[in-house]
Amino acid sequence: MQFIFILVAVAAAMLFDVRVSQAYEGPWCAGTNRGGGTFVYNCSMRTLEQCIPEVIAGNRGFCSPNPNYRGPEGPPPRGKRKRYYY
């Protein structure tokens, strides 16, 4: 019975194409006070305008630049060209 259950679970996972989610790290963090000494950072904000309503929504806090944000990755560096002397 367990074998059938495991087989059905694996088949369902393959059928629904289960993948690992990708967390987004944005350039802005909203630090909010949840009460009871709990302070939470949400660093998934793409713009300052998106961060402000998160802080103003009744939770005391602030918006600050994310120190871990690196920005979008640019193209890979070009290789050095070899010079030919004739």
C-alpha atoms as a PDB file:
ATOM      1  CA  MET A   1       0.000   0.000   0.000  1.00  0.00           C
ATOM      2  CA  GLN A   2       2.844   2.403   0.815  1.00  0.00           C
ATOM      3  CA  PHE A   3       4.529   1.587  -2.483  1.00  0.00           C
ATOM      4  CA  ILE A   4       1.414   2.597  -4.418  1.00  0.00           C
ATOM      5  CA  PHE A   5       1.144   5.839  -2.429  1.00  0.00           C
ATOM      6  CA  ILE A   6       4.795   6.718  -3.150  1.00  0.00           C
ATOM      7  CA  LEU A   7       4.343   5.847  -6.820  1.00  0.00           C
ATOM      8  CA  VAL A   8       1.257   8.072  -7.087  1.00  0.00           C
ATOM      9  CA  ALA A   9       3.065  10.954  -5.309  1.00  0.00           C
ATOM     10  CA  VAL A  10       6.050  10.750  -7.674  1.00  0.00           C
ATOM     11  CA  ALA A  11       3.775  10.562 -10.713  1.00  0.00           C
ATOM     12  CA  ALA A  12       1.804  13.597  -9.501  1.00  0.00           C
ATOM     13  CA  ALA A  13       5.009  15.582  -8.945  1.00  0.00           C
ATOM     14  CA  MET A  14       6.169  14.753 -12.461  1.00  0.00           C
ATOM     15  CA  LEU A  15       2.759  15.567 -13.916  1.00  0.00           C
ATOM     16  CA  PHE A  16       2.473  18.975 -12.243  1.00  0.00           C
ATOM     17  CA  ASP A  17       6.152  19.865 -12.925  1.00  0.00           C
ATOM     18  CA  VAL A  18       7.031  20.842  -9.349  1.00  0.00           C
ATOM     19  CA  ARG A  19      10.011  23.218  -9.248  1.00  0.00           C
ATOM     20  CA  VAL A  20      11.863  25.139  -6.584  1.00  0.00           C
ATOM     21  CA  SER A  21      10.619  28.708  -6.233  1.00  0.00           C
ATOM     22  CA  GLN A  22      12.998  31.583  -6.828  1.00  0.00           C
ATOM     23  CA  ALA A  23      13.024  34.254  -4.131  1.00  0.00           C
ATOM     24  CA  TYR A  24      13.419  37.830  -5.331  1.00  0.00           C
ATOM     25  CA  GLU A  25      15.907  40.120  -3.628  1.00  0.00           C
ATOM     26  CA  GLY A  26      14.992  43.723  -4.476  1.00  0.00           C
ATOM     27  CA  PRO A  27      16.847  46.997  -4.081  1.00  0.00           C
ATOM     28  CA  TRP A  28      14.630  48.194  -1.189  1.00  0.00           C
ATOM     29  CA  CYS A  29      13.850  46.728   2.257  1.00  0.00           C
ATOM     30  CA  ALA A  30      10.798  47.488   4.385  1.00  0.00           C
ATOM     31  CA  GLY A  31      11.543  47.113   8.076  1.00  0.00           C
ATOM     32  CA  THR A  32       8.321  46.796  10.100  1.00  0.00           C
ATOM     33  CA  ASN A  33       7.550  46.393  13.770  1.00  0.00           C
ATOM     34  CA  ARG A  34       5.077  43.514  14.281  1.00  0.00           C
ATOM     35  CA  GLY A  35       4.672  44.128  18.006  1.00  0.00           C
ATOM     36  CA  GLY A  36       5.871  42.128  20.969  1.00  0.00           C
ATOM     37  CA  GLY A  37       9.501  42.957  20.187  1.00  0.00           C
ATOM     38  CA  THR A  38       9.326  41.418  16.693  1.00  0.00           C
ATOM     39  CA  PHE A  39      10.934  43.396  13.876  1.00  0.00           C
ATOM     40  CA  VAL A  40      10.742  41.968  10.338  1.00  0.00           C
ATOM     41  CA  TYR A  41      12.615  42.918   7.158  1.00  0.00           C
ATOM     42  CA  ASN A  42      10.999  42.371   3.745  1.00  0.00           C
ATOM     43  CA  CYS A  43      13.643  42.932   1.061  1.00  0.00           C
ATOM     44  CA  SER A  44      11.543  42.080  -1.992  1.00  0.00           C
ATOM     45  CA  MET A  45      10.561  45.661  -2.858  1.00  0.00           C
ATOM     46  CA  ARG A  46      11.423  46.738  -6.405  1.00  0.00           C
ATOM     47  CA  THR A  47      10.884  50.490  -5.894  1.00  0.00           C
ATOM     48  CA  LEU A  48      10.680  52.970  -3.036  1.00  0.00           C
ATOM     49  CA  GLU A  49       7.071  53.682  -4.047  1.00  0.00           C
ATOM     50  CA  GLN A  50       6.265  49.994  -3.511  1.00  0.00           C
ATOM     51  CA  CYS A  51       7.980  50.016  -0.119  1.00  0.00           C
ATOM     52  CA  ILE A  52       6.173  53.017   1.387  1.00  0.00           C
ATOM     53  CA  PRO A  53       2.640  51.456   1.548  1.00  0.00           C
ATOM     54  CA  GLU A  54       4.124  48.375   3.242  1.00  0.00           C
ATOM     55  CA  VAL A  55       5.454  50.562   6.039  1.00  0.00           C
ATOM     56  CA  ILE A  56       2.460  52.898   6.294  1.00  0.00           C
ATOM     57  CA  ALA A  57      -0.060  50.013   6.458  1.00  0.00           C
ATOM     58  CA  GLY A  58      -0.331  50.339  10.245  1.00  0.00           C
ATOM     59  CA  ASN A  59       3.075  48.848  11.028  1.00  0.00           C
ATOM     60  CA  ARG A  60       5.696  51.194  12.351  1.00  0.00           C
ATOM     61  CA  GLY A  61       8.843  50.920  10.318  1.00  0.00           C
ATOM     62  CA  PHE A  62      11.007  52.378   7.609  1.00  0.00           C
ATOM     63  CA  CYS A  63      12.271  51.826   4.061  1.00  0.00           C
ATOM     64  CA  SER A  64      15.984  51.518   3.416  1.00  0.00           C
ATOM     65  CA  PRO A  65      18.249  50.451   0.542  1.00  0.00           C
ATOM     66  CA  ASN A  66      19.041  46.743   0.542  1.00  0.00           C
ATOM     67  CA  PRO A  67      22.753  46.311   1.359  1.00  0.00           C
ATOM     68  CA  ASN A  68      22.822  42.851  -0.279  1.00  0.00           C
ATOM     69  CA  TYR A  69      21.315  43.906  -3.629  1.00  0.00           C
ATOM     70  CA  ARG A  70      23.732  43.654  -6.550  1.00  0.00           C
ATOM     71  CA  GLY A  71      21.457  44.733  -9.383  1.00  0.00           C
ATOM     72  CA  PRO A  72      20.753  42.955 -12.641  1.00  0.00           C
ATOM     73  CA  GLU A  73      23.624  40.966 -14.031  1.00  0.00           C
ATOM     74  CA  GLY A  74      25.211  42.433 -17.115  1.00  0.00           C
ATOM     75  CA  PRO A  75      26.635  40.573 -20.087  1.00  0.00           C
ATOM     76  CA  PRO A  76      29.702  38.411 -19.424  1.00  0.00           C
ATOM     77  CA  PRO A  77      33.043  40.139 -19.964  1.00  0.00           C
ATOM     78  CA  ARG A  78      34.536  39.828 -23.411  1.00  0.00           C
ATOM     79  CA  GLY A  79      37.642  37.751 -23.855  1.00  0.00           C
ATOM     80  CA  LYS A  80      40.896  39.414 -24.704  1.00  0.00           C
ATOM     81  CA  ARG A  81      41.605  39.402 -28.413  1.00  0.00           C
ATOM     82  CA  LYS A  82      44.893  38.046 -29.626  1.00  0.00           C
ATOM     83  CA  ARG A  83      46.964  40.365 -31.795  1.00  0.00           C
ATOM     84  CA  TYR A  84      48.538  39.095 -34.944  1.00  0.00           C
ATOM     85  CA  TYR A  85      51.662  40.815 -36.255  1.00  0.00           C
ATOM     86  CA  TYR A  86      52.446  40.345 -39.940  1.00  0.00           C
END
